[in-house]
Amino acid sequence: MKFKKGQSRNPNGRPKGSLNKSTMEIREVLSLLAVNNIKKFRRSSAGRSS
């Protein structure tokens, strides 16, 4: 099926600010990585004193 010039099946497109799946997955992985590293840092620095 061909479309008229300038028209498609979804004329409104993706809403502004919406994320695609890969962006959401990357953010989740980075968040988990940060949380795990903070826990390790706290454990390693807990025995040290200033």
N, C-alpha and C. Protein backbone atom coordinates (compact mmCIF):
# COMPACT_ATOMS: atom_id res chain seq x y z
N MET A 1 0.84 -1.17 0.00
CA MET A 1 0.00 0.00 0.00
C MET A 1 0.89 1.24 0.00
N LYS A 2 0.70 2.09 -0.93
CA LYS A 2 1.48 3.33 -1.00
C LYS A 2 0.71 4.46 -0.35
N PHE A 3 1.43 5.38 0.21
CA PHE A 3 0.83 6.53 0.88
C PHE A 3 0.97 7.76 0.00
N LYS A 4 0.08 8.69 0.22
CA LYS A 4 0.21 9.97 -0.46
C LYS A 4 1.41 10.68 0.13
N LYS A 5 2.03 11.52 -0.64
CA LYS A 5 3.22 12.24 -0.21
C LYS A 5 2.93 13.03 1.07
N GLY A 6 3.78 12.82 2.11
CA GLY A 6 3.63 13.53 3.36
C GLY A 6 2.68 12.88 4.35
N GLN A 7 2.14 11.70 4.03
CA GLN A 7 1.23 11.02 4.93
C GLN A 7 1.78 9.65 5.30
N SER A 8 1.46 9.21 6.50
CA SER A 8 1.83 7.86 6.93
C SER A 8 0.72 7.29 7.80
N ARG A 9 0.95 6.12 8.33
CA ARG A 9 -0.07 5.49 9.18
C ARG A 9 -0.18 6.17 10.53
N ASN A 10 0.88 6.79 11.01
CA ASN A 10 0.86 7.43 12.31
C ASN A 10 1.27 8.88 12.17
N PRO A 11 0.35 9.75 11.81
CA PRO A 11 0.72 11.15 11.56
C PRO A 11 1.19 11.89 12.80
N ASN A 12 0.77 11.47 14.00
CA ASN A 12 1.19 12.16 15.21
C ASN A 12 2.58 11.72 15.67
N GLY A 13 3.01 10.56 15.29
CA GLY A 13 4.32 10.07 15.68
C GLY A 13 4.40 9.74 17.15
N ARG A 14 5.63 9.57 17.62
CA ARG A 14 5.86 9.26 19.03
C ARG A 14 5.70 10.54 19.84
N PRO A 15 5.04 10.44 21.00
CA PRO A 15 4.88 11.64 21.84
C PRO A 15 6.23 12.17 22.33
N LYS A 16 6.34 13.48 22.48
CA LYS A 16 7.57 14.07 22.97
C LYS A 16 7.85 13.57 24.37
N GLY A 17 9.12 13.25 24.62
CA GLY A 17 9.53 12.81 25.95
C GLY A 17 9.39 11.32 26.18
N SER A 18 8.76 10.60 25.28
CA SER A 18 8.63 9.16 25.47
C SER A 18 9.95 8.49 25.11
N LEU A 19 10.28 7.42 25.83
CA LEU A 19 11.55 6.73 25.64
C LEU A 19 11.33 5.43 24.88
N ASN A 20 12.34 5.03 24.12
CA ASN A 20 12.23 3.74 23.47
C ASN A 20 12.76 2.66 24.41
N LYS A 21 12.57 1.41 24.07
CA LYS A 21 12.92 0.30 24.95
C LYS A 21 14.40 0.26 25.29
N SER A 22 15.25 0.49 24.31
CA SER A 22 16.69 0.40 24.59
C SER A 22 17.14 1.48 25.56
N THR A 23 16.58 2.67 25.48
CA THR A 23 16.92 3.74 26.42
C THR A 23 16.49 3.36 27.82
N MET A 24 15.31 2.80 27.96
CA MET A 24 14.84 2.40 29.29
C MET A 24 15.71 1.28 29.86
N GLU A 25 16.12 0.32 29.03
CA GLU A 25 16.97 -0.77 29.50
C GLU A 25 18.33 -0.26 29.92
N ILE A 26 18.92 0.64 29.16
CA ILE A 26 20.23 1.19 29.51
C ILE A 26 20.15 1.95 30.83
N ARG A 27 19.12 2.74 31.01
CA ARG A 27 18.96 3.48 32.27
C ARG A 27 18.82 2.54 33.45
N GLU A 28 18.09 1.45 33.27
CA GLU A 28 17.91 0.49 34.36
C GLU A 28 19.24 -0.17 34.72
N VAL A 29 20.02 -0.57 33.72
CA VAL A 29 21.31 -1.19 33.97
C VAL A 29 22.25 -0.22 34.67
N LEU A 30 22.30 1.01 34.22
CA LEU A 30 23.17 2.01 34.86
C LEU A 30 22.73 2.28 36.30
N SER A 31 21.45 2.30 36.54
CA SER A 31 20.94 2.51 37.89
C SER A 31 21.36 1.38 38.81
N LEU A 32 21.21 0.13 38.34
CA LEU A 32 21.62 -1.02 39.15
C LEU A 32 23.12 -1.01 39.39
N LEU A 33 23.89 -0.65 38.40
CA LEU A 33 25.33 -0.58 38.53
C LEU A 33 25.73 0.46 39.58
N ALA A 34 25.09 1.60 39.55
CA ALA A 34 25.39 2.65 40.51
C ALA A 34 25.03 2.21 41.92
N VAL A 35 23.88 1.60 42.11
CA VAL A 35 23.45 1.15 43.43
C VAL A 35 24.43 0.11 43.98
N ASN A 36 24.84 -0.84 43.15
CA ASN A 36 25.77 -1.88 43.60
C ASN A 36 27.13 -1.29 43.96
N ASN A 37 27.59 -0.32 43.20
CA ASN A 37 28.89 0.28 43.49
C ASN A 37 28.85 1.14 44.75
N ILE A 38 27.74 1.78 45.02
CA ILE A 38 27.60 2.57 46.25
C ILE A 38 27.66 1.64 47.46
N LYS A 39 27.00 0.50 47.38
CA LYS A 39 27.03 -0.47 48.49
C LYS A 39 28.46 -0.96 48.73
N LYS A 40 29.19 -1.27 47.68
CA LYS A 40 30.58 -1.73 47.81
C LYS A 40 31.45 -0.63 48.40
N PHE A 41 31.25 0.60 47.95
CA PHE A 41 32.04 1.72 48.44
C PHE A 41 31.79 1.93 49.92
N ARG A 42 30.54 1.86 50.34
CA ARG A 42 30.20 2.05 51.75
C ARG A 42 30.83 0.97 52.61
N ARG A 43 30.82 -0.28 52.13
CA ARG A 43 31.43 -1.38 52.89
C ARG A 43 32.93 -1.20 53.00
N SER A 44 33.57 -0.78 51.91
CA SER A 44 35.02 -0.66 51.92
C SER A 44 35.48 0.55 52.74
N SER A 45 34.66 1.58 52.82
CA SER A 45 35.08 2.76 53.56
C SER A 45 34.56 2.77 55.00
N ALA A 46 33.77 1.77 55.38
CA ALA A 46 33.20 1.72 56.72
C ALA A 46 34.29 1.49 57.77
N GLY A 47 35.34 0.76 57.46
CA GLY A 47 36.38 0.45 58.42
C GLY A 47 37.42 1.56 58.54
N ARG A 48 37.40 2.50 57.64
CA ARG A 48 38.39 3.60 57.65
C ARG A 48 37.92 4.73 58.55
N SER A 49 38.87 5.41 59.15
CA SER A 49 38.51 6.60 59.93
C SER A 49 39.33 7.78 59.44
N SER A 50 38.82 8.97 59.57
CA SER A 50 39.48 10.17 59.05
C SER A 50 40.61 10.60 59.93
